[in-house]
Amino acid sequence: MADSAPAAGLFASRRAVILLGPPGAGKGTQARRLSERYRVPALSTGAMFREQVERGTELGKEAQPILAQGGLVPDEIVRAMVEEWITGPDCVGGFILDGFPRTLPQAVALDEILKDRGFPEPVVFFLKVERSRLLRRLTGRRTCSIGGEIYNVYDLPPKVPGRCDNDGGELVMRSDDREEVVRPRLELYEERTRGVVDHYTKLGLLMEVDANQDPSLLTETLFEILGPARSE
């Protein structure tokens, strides 16, 4: 895994940043913070699937029955969705991918998309977290039913129990955050993404960062590596 940080001010060169890591590593939180600081869009595949389904696109129609049954959307559908998003006007200055790619074929496809679109090599972070901490984070996670802000009853509680600090929305526990669901999810993640980690390691692009630390400290670490925003 890469030991040195890339040059500062990376988003000045329309860079793609990839956040990898197991469920509960904090990818969504870090993606939002990076998006706000560098003013580039962030994409999670879950949000992408929901948008395509809601819009009633052909890709959404293909994915909907698979998602409804809890299945894995085929790589070719995921690739088509991601490529459509990357080629949009919002991504011309760079973008952040939250938890994508998840399989080796997706990683190879993304390499091709970025190359075809003239993007430089991506910056790839792997958020490493101890298994015991992951279980605590996932089973304690609560999500705002309105804005999607994430809290944790153990480590990041809201000011008012059960209510979002931003909009007062009810905080809910996702069905897949129960411990009996979490453990198999972590095992599946490790099995499916091992090839992705190896792929970026061989390319010399993977940077492992300690995500056991407080989320705010992790954010500062990522800011330091990525360098200043365009206006700084």
C-alpha atoms as a PDB file:
ATOM      1  CA  MET A   1       0.000   0.000   0.000  1.00  0.00           C
ATOM      2  CA  ALA A   2       1.185   3.475  -0.794  1.00  0.00           C
ATOM      3  CA  ASP A   3       2.973   5.202   2.078  1.00  0.00           C
ATOM      4  CA  SER A   4       3.366   8.715   0.689  1.00  0.00           C
ATOM      5  CA  ALA A   5       0.708  11.323   0.068  1.00  0.00           C
ATOM      6  CA  PRO A   6       0.045  12.620  -3.439  1.00  0.00           C
ATOM      7  CA  ALA A   7       0.708  16.206  -4.421  1.00  0.00           C
ATOM      8  CA  ALA A   8      -1.422  18.941  -2.868  1.00  0.00           C
ATOM      9  CA  GLY A   9      -4.352  20.562  -4.581  1.00  0.00           C
ATOM     10  CA  LEU A  10      -5.383  17.415  -6.416  1.00  0.00           C
ATOM     11  CA  PHE A  11      -8.829  18.622  -7.404  1.00  0.00           C
ATOM     12  CA  ALA A  12      -7.182  21.296  -9.524  1.00  0.00           C
ATOM     13  CA  SER A  13      -6.544  18.464 -12.010  1.00  0.00           C
ATOM     14  CA  ARG A  14     -10.143  17.127 -12.170  1.00  0.00           C
ATOM     15  CA  ARG A  15      -9.278  14.172  -9.983  1.00  0.00           C
ATOM     16  CA  ALA A  16     -11.443  11.213  -9.019  1.00  0.00           C
ATOM     17  CA  VAL A  17     -11.261  10.194  -5.362  1.00  0.00           C
ATOM     18  CA  ILE A  18     -12.344   6.689  -4.383  1.00  0.00           C
ATOM     19  CA  LEU A  19     -13.271   5.817  -0.795  1.00  0.00           C
ATOM     20  CA  LEU A  20     -13.059   2.106  -0.053  1.00  0.00           C
ATOM     21  CA  GLY A  21     -13.692   0.378   3.240  1.00  0.00           C
ATOM     22  CA  PRO A  22     -16.081  -1.995   4.985  1.00  0.00           C
ATOM     23  CA  PRO A  23     -19.600  -1.065   6.083  1.00  0.00           C
ATOM     24  CA  GLY A  24     -19.290   1.239   9.094  1.00  0.00           C
ATOM     25  CA  ALA A  25     -15.906   2.670   8.110  1.00  0.00           C
ATOM     26  CA  GLY A  26     -17.454   6.106   7.649  1.00  0.00           C
ATOM     27  CA  LYS A  27     -17.229   6.409   3.871  1.00  0.00           C
ATOM     28  CA  GLY A  28     -20.508   8.291   3.572  1.00  0.00           C
ATOM     29  CA  THR A  29     -19.573  10.833   6.233  1.00  0.00           C
ATOM     30  CA  GLN A  30     -16.156  11.470   4.708  1.00  0.00           C
ATOM     31  CA  ALA A  31     -17.579  11.666   1.177  1.00  0.00           C
ATOM     32  CA  ARG A  32     -19.996  14.416   2.254  1.00  0.00           C
ATOM     33  CA  ARG A  33     -17.260  16.392   3.999  1.00  0.00           C
ATOM     34  CA  LEU A  34     -14.888  16.127   1.049  1.00  0.00           C
ATOM     35  CA  SER A  35     -17.693  17.122  -1.299  1.00  0.00           C
ATOM     36  CA  GLU A  36     -18.440  20.232   0.756  1.00  0.00           C
ATOM     37  CA  ARG A  37     -14.818  21.325   1.047  1.00  0.00           C
ATOM     38  CA  TYR A  38     -13.743  20.733  -2.544  1.00  0.00           C
ATOM     39  CA  ARG A  39     -17.121  21.524  -4.123  1.00  0.00           C
ATOM     40  CA  VAL A  40     -17.232  18.374  -6.222  1.00  0.00           C
ATOM     41  CA  PRO A  41     -20.098  15.853  -6.282  1.00  0.00           C
ATOM     42  CA  ALA A  42     -20.057  12.602  -4.330  1.00  0.00           C
ATOM     43  CA  LEU A  43     -21.731   9.426  -5.501  1.00  0.00           C
ATOM     44  CA  SER A  44     -22.782   6.364  -3.555  1.00  0.00           C
ATOM     45  CA  THR A  45     -24.115   3.430  -5.520  1.00  0.00           C
ATOM     46  CA  GLY A  46     -27.109   3.154  -3.188  1.00  0.00           C
ATOM     47  CA  ALA A  47     -28.189   6.722  -3.932  1.00  0.00           C
ATOM     48  CA  MET A  48     -27.496   6.155  -7.615  1.00  0.00           C
ATOM     49  CA  PHE A  49     -29.748   3.088  -7.715  1.00  0.00           C
ATOM     50  CA  ARG A  50     -32.562   4.918  -5.923  1.00  0.00           C
ATOM     51  CA  GLU A  51     -32.351   7.875  -8.306  1.00  0.00           C
ATOM     52  CA  GLN A  52     -32.450   5.676 -11.401  1.00  0.00           C
ATOM     53  CA  VAL A  53     -35.440   3.750 -10.050  1.00  0.00           C
ATOM     54  CA  GLU A  54     -37.308   6.937  -9.095  1.00  0.00           C
ATOM     55  CA  ARG A  55     -36.658   8.453 -12.531  1.00  0.00           C
ATOM     56  CA  GLY A  56     -37.952   5.320 -14.188  1.00  0.00           C
ATOM     57  CA  THR A  57     -34.922   5.004 -16.468  1.00  0.00           C
ATOM     58  CA  GLU A  58     -34.234   1.834 -18.421  1.00  0.00           C
ATOM     59  CA  LEU A  59     -31.299   1.068 -16.125  1.00  0.00           C
ATOM     60  CA  GLY A  60     -33.505   1.699 -13.105  1.00  0.00           C
ATOM     61  CA  LYS A  61     -36.137  -0.680 -14.436  1.00  0.00           C
ATOM     62  CA  GLU A  62     -33.493  -3.372 -14.877  1.00  0.00           C
ATOM     63  CA  ALA A  63     -32.107  -2.865 -11.381  1.00  0.00           C
ATOM     64  CA  GLN A  64     -35.390  -2.489  -9.459  1.00  0.00           C
ATOM     65  CA  PRO A  65     -36.482  -6.160  -9.293  1.00  0.00           C
ATOM     66  CA  ILE A  66     -32.953  -7.227  -8.380  1.00  0.00           C
ATOM     67  CA  LEU A  67     -32.749  -4.687  -5.560  1.00  0.00           C
ATOM     68  CA  ALA A  68     -36.237  -5.587  -4.331  1.00  0.00           C
ATOM     69  CA  GLN A  69     -35.097  -9.177  -3.834  1.00  0.00           C
ATOM     70  CA  GLY A  70     -31.894  -8.128  -2.086  1.00  0.00           C
ATOM     71  CA  GLY A  71     -29.743  -9.295  -4.971  1.00  0.00           C
ATOM     72  CA  LEU A  72     -26.550  -7.841  -6.393  1.00  0.00           C
ATOM     73  CA  VAL A  73     -26.971  -5.599  -9.425  1.00  0.00           C
ATOM     74  CA  PRO A  74     -24.865  -6.995 -12.315  1.00  0.00           C
ATOM     75  CA  ASP A  75     -21.583  -5.234 -12.991  1.00  0.00           C
ATOM     76  CA  GLU A  76     -22.636  -4.152 -16.482  1.00  0.00           C
ATOM     77  CA  ILE A  77     -25.672  -2.264 -15.132  1.00  0.00           C
ATOM     78  CA  VAL A  78     -23.604  -0.629 -12.392  1.00  0.00           C
ATOM     79  CA  ARG A  79     -20.960   0.369 -14.917  1.00  0.00           C
ATOM     80  CA  ALA A  80     -23.550   1.965 -17.210  1.00  0.00           C
ATOM     81  CA  MET A  81     -25.036   3.964 -14.324  1.00  0.00           C
ATOM     82  CA  VAL A  82     -21.657   5.160 -13.069  1.00  0.00           C
ATOM     83  CA  GLU A  83     -20.470   6.074 -16.555  1.00  0.00           C
ATOM     84  CA  GLU A  84     -23.623   8.107 -17.153  1.00  0.00           C
ATOM     85  CA  TRP A  85     -23.017   9.991 -13.900  1.00  0.00           C
ATOM     86  CA  ILE A  86     -19.299  10.573 -14.491  1.00  0.00           C
ATOM     87  CA  THR A  87     -19.903  11.980 -17.959  1.00  0.00           C
ATOM     88  CA  GLY A  88     -22.406  14.533 -16.649  1.00  0.00           C
ATOM     89  CA  PRO A  89     -21.536  18.238 -16.387  1.00  0.00           C
ATOM     90  CA  ASP A  90     -21.294  18.154 -12.576  1.00  0.00           C
ATOM     91  CA  CYS A  91     -18.227  15.904 -12.693  1.00  0.00           C
ATOM     92  CA  VAL A  92     -15.997  17.859 -15.072  1.00  0.00           C
ATOM     93  CA  GLY A  93     -13.941  19.218 -12.155  1.00  0.00           C
ATOM     94  CA  GLY A  94     -13.586  15.914 -10.325  1.00  0.00           C
ATOM     95  CA  PHE A  95     -15.773  13.761  -8.121  1.00  0.00           C
ATOM     96  CA  ILE A  96     -15.862  11.367  -5.172  1.00  0.00           C
ATOM     97  CA  LEU A  97     -16.967   7.733  -5.272  1.00  0.00           C
ATOM     98  CA  ASP A  98     -18.303   6.317  -2.012  1.00  0.00           C
ATOM     99  CA  GLY A  99     -17.832   2.555  -1.870  1.00  0.00           C
ATOM    100  CA  PHE A 100     -17.395   2.039  -5.597  1.00  0.00           C
ATOM    101  CA  PRO A 101     -15.954  -0.055  -7.177  1.00  0.00           C
ATOM    102  CA  ARG A 102     -16.971  -3.100  -5.153  1.00  0.00           C
ATOM    103  CA  THR A 103     -15.744  -5.860  -7.447  1.00  0.00           C
ATOM    104  CA  LEU A 104     -12.649  -6.356  -9.570  1.00  0.00           C
ATOM    105  CA  PRO A 105     -14.602  -6.123 -12.864  1.00  0.00           C
ATOM    106  CA  GLN A 106     -16.055  -2.806 -11.672  1.00  0.00           C
ATOM    107  CA  ALA A 107     -12.556  -1.532 -10.847  1.00  0.00           C
ATOM    108  CA  VAL A 108     -11.238  -2.489 -14.276  1.00  0.00           C
ATOM    109  CA  ALA A 109     -14.265  -0.893 -15.942  1.00  0.00           C
ATOM    110  CA  LEU A 110     -13.747   2.302 -13.949  1.00  0.00           C
ATOM    111  CA  ASP A 111     -10.108   2.440 -15.054  1.00  0.00           C
ATOM    112  CA  GLU A 112     -11.307   2.339 -18.653  1.00  0.00           C
ATOM    113  CA  ILE A 113     -13.981   4.996 -18.126  1.00  0.00           C
ATOM    114  CA  LEU A 114     -11.553   7.412 -16.477  1.00  0.00           C
ATOM    115  CA  LYS A 115      -8.944   6.876 -19.168  1.00  0.00           C
ATOM    116  CA  ASP A 116     -11.479   7.330 -21.972  1.00  0.00           C
ATOM    117  CA  ARG A 117     -12.714  10.573 -20.387  1.00  0.00           C
ATOM    118  CA  GLY A 118      -9.245  12.014 -19.914  1.00  0.00           C
ATOM    119  CA  PHE A 119      -9.125  11.812 -16.121  1.00  0.00           C
ATOM    120  CA  PRO A 120      -5.767  11.250 -14.395  1.00  0.00           C
ATOM    121  CA  GLU A 121      -5.238   8.250 -12.134  1.00  0.00           C
ATOM    122  CA  PRO A 122      -7.646   8.279  -9.188  1.00  0.00           C
ATOM    123  CA  VAL A 123      -6.729   8.819  -5.557  1.00  0.00           C
ATOM    124  CA  VAL A 124      -7.798   5.686  -3.691  1.00  0.00           C
ATOM    125  CA  PHE A 125      -8.262   5.638   0.081  1.00  0.00           C
ATOM    126  CA  PHE A 126      -8.899   2.464   2.056  1.00  0.00           C
ATOM    127  CA  LEU A 127     -10.529   3.269   5.398  1.00  0.00           C
ATOM    128  CA  LYS A 128      -9.227   0.589   7.754  1.00  0.00           C
ATOM    129  CA  VAL A 129     -11.192  -0.183  10.930  1.00  0.00           C
ATOM    130  CA  GLU A 130     -10.969  -2.926  13.559  1.00  0.00           C
ATOM    131  CA  ARG A 131     -13.787  -5.495  13.405  1.00  0.00           C
ATOM    132  CA  SER A 132     -14.998  -4.804  16.973  1.00  0.00           C
ATOM    133  CA  ARG A 133     -15.254  -1.094  16.244  1.00  0.00           C
ATOM    134  CA  LEU A 134     -17.154  -1.764  13.026  1.00  0.00           C
ATOM    135  CA  LEU A 135     -19.752  -3.783  14.918  1.00  0.00           C
ATOM    136  CA  ARG A 136     -20.191  -0.976  17.442  1.00  0.00           C
ATOM    137  CA  ARG A 137     -20.516   1.644  14.724  1.00  0.00           C
ATOM    138  CA  LEU A 138     -23.003  -0.310  12.650  1.00  0.00           C
ATOM    139  CA  THR A 139     -25.293  -1.534  15.399  1.00  0.00           C
ATOM    140  CA  GLY A 140     -25.280   1.938  16.971  1.00  0.00           C
ATOM    141  CA  ARG A 141     -25.846   3.802  13.712  1.00  0.00           C
ATOM    142  CA  ARG A 142     -28.976   5.891  13.287  1.00  0.00           C
ATOM    143  CA  THR A 143     -29.938   7.796  10.139  1.00  0.00           C
ATOM    144  CA  CYS A 144     -32.065  10.943   9.817  1.00  0.00           C
ATOM    145  CA  SER A 145     -35.319  10.064   8.051  1.00  0.00           C
ATOM    146  CA  ILE A 146     -35.330  13.474   6.335  1.00  0.00           C
ATOM    147  CA  GLY A 147     -31.808  14.558   5.410  1.00  0.00           C
ATOM    148  CA  GLY A 148     -29.888  11.303   5.730  1.00  0.00           C
ATOM    149  CA  GLU A 149     -27.407  12.649   8.319  1.00  0.00           C
ATOM    150  CA  ILE A 150     -25.746   9.798  10.208  1.00  0.00           C
ATOM    151  CA  TYR A 151     -25.363   9.547  14.001  1.00  0.00           C
ATOM    152  CA  ASN A 152     -24.224   6.859  16.424  1.00  0.00           C
ATOM    153  CA  VAL A 153     -25.799   6.282  19.808  1.00  0.00           C
ATOM    154  CA  TYR A 154     -22.385   5.341  21.224  1.00  0.00           C
ATOM    155  CA  ASP A 155     -19.858   7.594  19.522  1.00  0.00           C
ATOM    156  CA  LEU A 156     -21.756  10.415  17.804  1.00  0.00           C
ATOM    157  CA  PRO A 157     -25.108  10.949  19.535  1.00  0.00           C
ATOM    158  CA  PRO A 158     -27.509  13.764  18.582  1.00  0.00           C
ATOM    159  CA  LYS A 159     -28.148  16.651  20.974  1.00  0.00           C
ATOM    160  CA  VAL A 160     -31.734  15.481  21.432  1.00  0.00           C
ATOM    161  CA  PRO A 161     -32.097  11.689  21.606  1.00  0.00           C
ATOM    162  CA  GLY A 162     -33.803  10.291  18.534  1.00  0.00           C
ATOM    163  CA  ARG A 163     -33.829  13.597  16.620  1.00  0.00           C
ATOM    164  CA  CYS A 164     -31.521  15.048  13.966  1.00  0.00           C
ATOM    165  CA  ASP A 165     -29.597  18.171  14.988  1.00  0.00           C
ATOM    166  CA  ASN A 166     -30.107  19.752  11.556  1.00  0.00           C
ATOM    167  CA  ASP A 167     -33.796  19.329  10.772  1.00  0.00           C
ATOM    168  CA  GLY A 168     -35.367  17.534  13.727  1.00  0.00           C
ATOM    169  CA  GLY A 169     -36.051  14.450  11.646  1.00  0.00           C
ATOM    170  CA  GLU A 170     -36.592  11.124  13.362  1.00  0.00           C
ATOM    171  CA  LEU A 171     -33.458   8.995  13.652  1.00  0.00           C
ATOM    172  CA  VAL A 172     -34.073   5.444  12.514  1.00  0.00           C
ATOM    173  CA  MET A 173     -32.102   2.216  12.601  1.00  0.00           C
ATOM    174  CA  ARG A 174     -31.616   0.540   9.242  1.00  0.00           C
ATOM    175  CA  SER A 175     -32.795  -3.058   9.109  1.00  0.00           C
ATOM    176  CA  ASP A 176     -29.368  -4.139   7.859  1.00  0.00           C
ATOM    177  CA  ASP A 177     -27.639  -2.628  10.915  1.00  0.00           C
ATOM    178  CA  ARG A 178     -28.833  -5.403  13.246  1.00  0.00           C
ATOM    179  CA  GLU A 179     -25.926  -7.511  14.501  1.00  0.00           C
ATOM    180  CA  GLU A 180     -27.261 -10.732  13.003  1.00  0.00           C
ATOM    181  CA  VAL A 181     -27.201  -8.995   9.624  1.00  0.00           C
ATOM    182  CA  VAL A 182     -23.997  -7.008  10.139  1.00  0.00           C
ATOM    183  CA  ARG A 183     -21.640  -9.951  10.661  1.00  0.00           C
ATOM    184  CA  PRO A 184     -22.494 -11.668   7.347  1.00  0.00           C
ATOM    185  CA  ARG A 185     -22.313  -8.280   5.590  1.00  0.00           C
ATOM    186  CA  LEU A 186     -18.756  -7.767   6.788  1.00  0.00           C
ATOM    187  CA  GLU A 187     -17.749 -11.255   5.686  1.00  0.00           C
ATOM    188  CA  LEU A 188     -19.332 -10.709   2.260  1.00  0.00           C
ATOM    189  CA  TYR A 189     -17.591  -7.362   1.916  1.00  0.00           C
ATOM    190  CA  GLU A 190     -14.181  -8.882   2.610  1.00  0.00           C
ATOM    191  CA  GLU A 191     -14.815 -11.686   0.136  1.00  0.00           C
ATOM    192  CA  ARG A 192     -16.060  -9.453  -2.684  1.00  0.00           C
ATOM    193  CA  THR A 193     -13.650  -6.535  -2.380  1.00  0.00           C
ATOM    194  CA  ARG A 194     -10.373  -8.337  -1.791  1.00  0.00           C
ATOM    195  CA  GLY A 195      -9.706  -8.214  -5.530  1.00  0.00           C
ATOM    196  CA  VAL A 196     -10.382  -4.462  -5.633  1.00  0.00           C
ATOM    197  CA  VAL A 197      -7.891  -3.763  -2.849  1.00  0.00           C
ATOM    198  CA  ASP A 198      -5.289  -5.962  -4.535  1.00  0.00           C
ATOM    199  CA  HIS A 199      -5.918  -4.234  -7.880  1.00  0.00           C
ATOM    200  CA  TYR A 200      -5.235  -0.730  -6.592  1.00  0.00           C
ATOM    201  CA  THR A 201      -2.340  -1.950  -4.452  1.00  0.00           C
ATOM    202  CA  LYS A 202      -0.618  -3.417  -7.517  1.00  0.00           C
ATOM    203  CA  LEU A 203      -1.135  -0.120  -9.352  1.00  0.00           C
ATOM    204  CA  GLY A 204       0.499   1.730  -6.443  1.00  0.00           C
ATOM    205  CA  LEU A 205      -2.613   3.845  -5.893  1.00  0.00           C
ATOM    206  CA  LEU A 206      -4.036   2.517  -2.629  1.00  0.00           C
ATOM    207  CA  MET A 207      -3.497   4.595   0.513  1.00  0.00           C
ATOM    208  CA  GLU A 208      -4.535   2.993   3.776  1.00  0.00           C
ATOM    209  CA  VAL A 209      -5.797   5.447   6.394  1.00  0.00           C
ATOM    210  CA  ASP A 210      -6.677   4.778  10.017  1.00  0.00           C
ATOM    211  CA  ALA A 211     -10.446   5.062  10.303  1.00  0.00           C
ATOM    212  CA  ASN A 212     -10.476   3.889  13.933  1.00  0.00           C
ATOM    213  CA  GLN A 213      -9.910   7.501  14.947  1.00  0.00           C
ATOM    214  CA  ASP A 214     -12.564  10.144  15.500  1.00  0.00           C
ATOM    215  CA  PRO A 215     -14.324  11.007  12.204  1.00  0.00           C
ATOM    216  CA  SER A 216     -13.257  14.657  12.473  1.00  0.00           C
ATOM    217  CA  LEU A 217      -9.604  13.657  12.799  1.00  0.00           C
ATOM    218  CA  LEU A 218      -9.953  11.338   9.825  1.00  0.00           C
ATOM    219  CA  THR A 219     -11.445  14.209   7.833  1.00  0.00           C
ATOM    220  CA  GLU A 220      -8.441  16.390   8.648  1.00  0.00           C
ATOM    221  CA  THR A 221      -6.120  13.582   7.548  1.00  0.00           C
ATOM    222  CA  LEU A 222      -7.877  13.359   4.188  1.00  0.00           C
ATOM    223  CA  PHE A 223      -7.845  17.157   3.788  1.00  0.00           C
ATOM    224  CA  GLU A 224      -4.101  17.183   4.433  1.00  0.00           C
ATOM    225  CA  ILE A 225      -3.466  14.496   1.832  1.00  0.00           C
ATOM    226  CA  LEU A 226      -5.701  16.025  -0.828  1.00  0.00           C
ATOM    227  CA  GLY A 227      -4.409  19.537  -0.314  1.00  0.00           C
ATOM    228  CA  PRO A 228      -6.189  22.895  -0.444  1.00  0.00           C
ATOM    229  CA  ALA A 229      -9.476  23.594  -2.150  1.00  0.00           C
ATOM    230  CA  ARG A 230      -9.373  25.673  -5.318  1.00  0.00           C
ATOM    231  CA  SER A 231     -10.128  28.952  -3.550  1.00  0.00           C
ATOM    232  CA  GLU A 232      -7.426  28.510  -0.880  1.00  0.00           C
END
